[in-house]
Amino acid sequence: MSTPKLRLGPLPKTENLKLTFTCPASLKADLERYAAVHAQAYGEEVDAVTLIPHMLETFMARDRAFKRASTG
């Protein structure tokens, strides 16, 4: 079985701040499954909570409308 190529690559080391949010149970389950696949792909255990900020950062970096609005 080949290792999938995920959009979210290996995680960088960063300074973190705590943020709490609420999500549907189905999203939490998907995040946990993504974390398991990510761990398999990159050989480093990671939980969904660790992945969320990196996923959001990647999403925002690729959002063209957000970039246009941010650069004014």
C-alpha atoms as a PDB file:
ATOM      1  CA  MET A   1       0.000   0.000   0.000  1.00  0.00           C
ATOM      2  CA  SER A   2       1.492   3.349  -1.025  1.00  0.00           C
ATOM      3  CA  THR A   3       1.657   6.298   1.332  1.00  0.00           C
ATOM      4  CA  PRO A   4      -0.802   9.029   0.322  1.00  0.00           C
ATOM      5  CA  LYS A   5       0.490  12.503  -0.553  1.00  0.00           C
ATOM      6  CA  LEU A   6      -1.408  14.888   1.715  1.00  0.00           C
ATOM      7  CA  ARG A   7      -1.881  18.606   1.104  1.00  0.00           C
ATOM      8  CA  LEU A   8      -0.603  19.250   4.596  1.00  0.00           C
ATOM      9  CA  GLY A   9       3.086  18.336   4.646  1.00  0.00           C
ATOM     10  CA  PRO A  10       5.362  17.781   7.625  1.00  0.00           C
ATOM     11  CA  LEU A  11       4.619  20.202  10.444  1.00  0.00           C
ATOM     12  CA  PRO A  12       6.967  23.109  11.198  1.00  0.00           C
ATOM     13  CA  LYS A  13       7.982  23.992  14.729  1.00  0.00           C
ATOM     14  CA  THR A  14       6.183  27.166  15.836  1.00  0.00           C
ATOM     15  CA  GLU A  15       5.231  29.203  18.883  1.00  0.00           C
ATOM     16  CA  ASN A  16       1.670  28.328  19.886  1.00  0.00           C
ATOM     17  CA  LEU A  17      -1.203  30.069  21.617  1.00  0.00           C
ATOM     18  CA  LYS A  18      -4.227  28.219  22.990  1.00  0.00           C
ATOM     19  CA  LEU A  19      -7.528  28.641  21.159  1.00  0.00           C
ATOM     20  CA  THR A  20     -10.700  26.697  21.911  1.00  0.00           C
ATOM     21  CA  PHE A  21     -13.448  26.002  19.385  1.00  0.00           C
ATOM     22  CA  THR A  22     -16.513  23.802  19.000  1.00  0.00           C
ATOM     23  CA  CYS A  23     -17.084  21.515  16.021  1.00  0.00           C
ATOM     24  CA  PRO A  24     -19.505  18.769  15.018  1.00  0.00           C
ATOM     25  CA  ALA A  25     -18.658  15.227  16.113  1.00  0.00           C
ATOM     26  CA  SER A  26     -18.340  14.213  12.461  1.00  0.00           C
ATOM     27  CA  LEU A  27     -15.632  16.857  11.890  1.00  0.00           C
ATOM     28  CA  LYS A  28     -13.756  15.726  14.995  1.00  0.00           C
ATOM     29  CA  ALA A  29     -13.815  12.147  13.688  1.00  0.00           C
ATOM     30  CA  ASP A  30     -12.552  13.306  10.280  1.00  0.00           C
ATOM     31  CA  LEU A  31      -9.762  15.302  11.927  1.00  0.00           C
ATOM     32  CA  GLU A  32      -8.706  12.268  13.952  1.00  0.00           C
ATOM     33  CA  ARG A  33      -8.674  10.112  10.801  1.00  0.00           C
ATOM     34  CA  TYR A  34      -6.620  12.766   8.993  1.00  0.00           C
ATOM     35  CA  ALA A  35      -4.166  12.827  11.900  1.00  0.00           C
ATOM     36  CA  ALA A  36      -3.770   9.051  11.662  1.00  0.00           C
ATOM     37  CA  VAL A  37      -3.113   9.220   7.907  1.00  0.00           C
ATOM     38  CA  HIS A  38      -0.691  12.126   8.440  1.00  0.00           C
ATOM     39  CA  ALA A  39       1.201  10.118  11.063  1.00  0.00           C
ATOM     40  CA  GLN A  40       1.442   7.184   8.670  1.00  0.00           C
ATOM     41  CA  ALA A  41       2.588   9.407   5.800  1.00  0.00           C
ATOM     42  CA  TYR A  42       5.280  11.272   7.750  1.00  0.00           C
ATOM     43  CA  GLY A  43       6.266   8.768  10.429  1.00  0.00           C
ATOM     44  CA  GLU A  44       5.535  11.104  13.337  1.00  0.00           C
ATOM     45  CA  GLU A  45       2.545  10.752  15.651  1.00  0.00           C
ATOM     46  CA  VAL A  46       0.394  13.861  15.692  1.00  0.00           C
ATOM     47  CA  ASP A  47      -3.072  14.546  17.054  1.00  0.00           C
ATOM     48  CA  ALA A  48      -5.897  16.480  15.445  1.00  0.00           C
ATOM     49  CA  VAL A  49      -5.454  19.432  17.809  1.00  0.00           C
ATOM     50  CA  THR A  50      -1.897  19.883  16.556  1.00  0.00           C
ATOM     51  CA  LEU A  51      -2.990  19.680  12.916  1.00  0.00           C
ATOM     52  CA  ILE A  52      -5.842  22.196  13.066  1.00  0.00           C
ATOM     53  CA  PRO A  53      -3.765  25.409  13.056  1.00  0.00           C
ATOM     54  CA  HIS A  54      -1.602  24.110  10.203  1.00  0.00           C
ATOM     55  CA  MET A  55      -4.682  23.133   8.212  1.00  0.00           C
ATOM     56  CA  LEU A  56      -6.228  26.576   8.747  1.00  0.00           C
ATOM     57  CA  GLU A  57      -2.983  28.318   7.823  1.00  0.00           C
ATOM     58  CA  THR A  58      -2.716  26.260   4.621  1.00  0.00           C
ATOM     59  CA  PHE A  59      -6.351  26.939   3.766  1.00  0.00           C
ATOM     60  CA  MET A  60      -5.983  30.693   4.280  1.00  0.00           C
ATOM     61  CA  ALA A  61      -2.713  30.855   2.331  1.00  0.00           C
ATOM     62  CA  ARG A  62      -4.434  29.312  -0.687  1.00  0.00           C
ATOM     63  CA  ASP A  63      -7.596  31.424  -0.512  1.00  0.00           C
ATOM     64  CA  ARG A  64      -7.214  33.958  -3.340  1.00  0.00           C
ATOM     65  CA  ALA A  65     -10.083  36.177  -2.173  1.00  0.00           C
ATOM     66  CA  PHE A  66      -8.561  36.363   1.309  1.00  0.00           C
ATOM     67  CA  LYS A  67      -5.165  37.291  -0.156  1.00  0.00           C
ATOM     68  CA  ARG A  68      -6.708  40.060  -2.277  1.00  0.00           C
ATOM     69  CA  ALA A  69      -8.620  41.411   0.725  1.00  0.00           C
ATOM     70  CA  SER A  70      -5.527  41.245   2.933  1.00  0.00           C
ATOM     71  CA  THR A  71      -3.256  43.118   0.532  1.00  0.00           C
ATOM     72  CA  GLY A  72      -5.882  45.762  -0.090  1.00  0.00           C
END
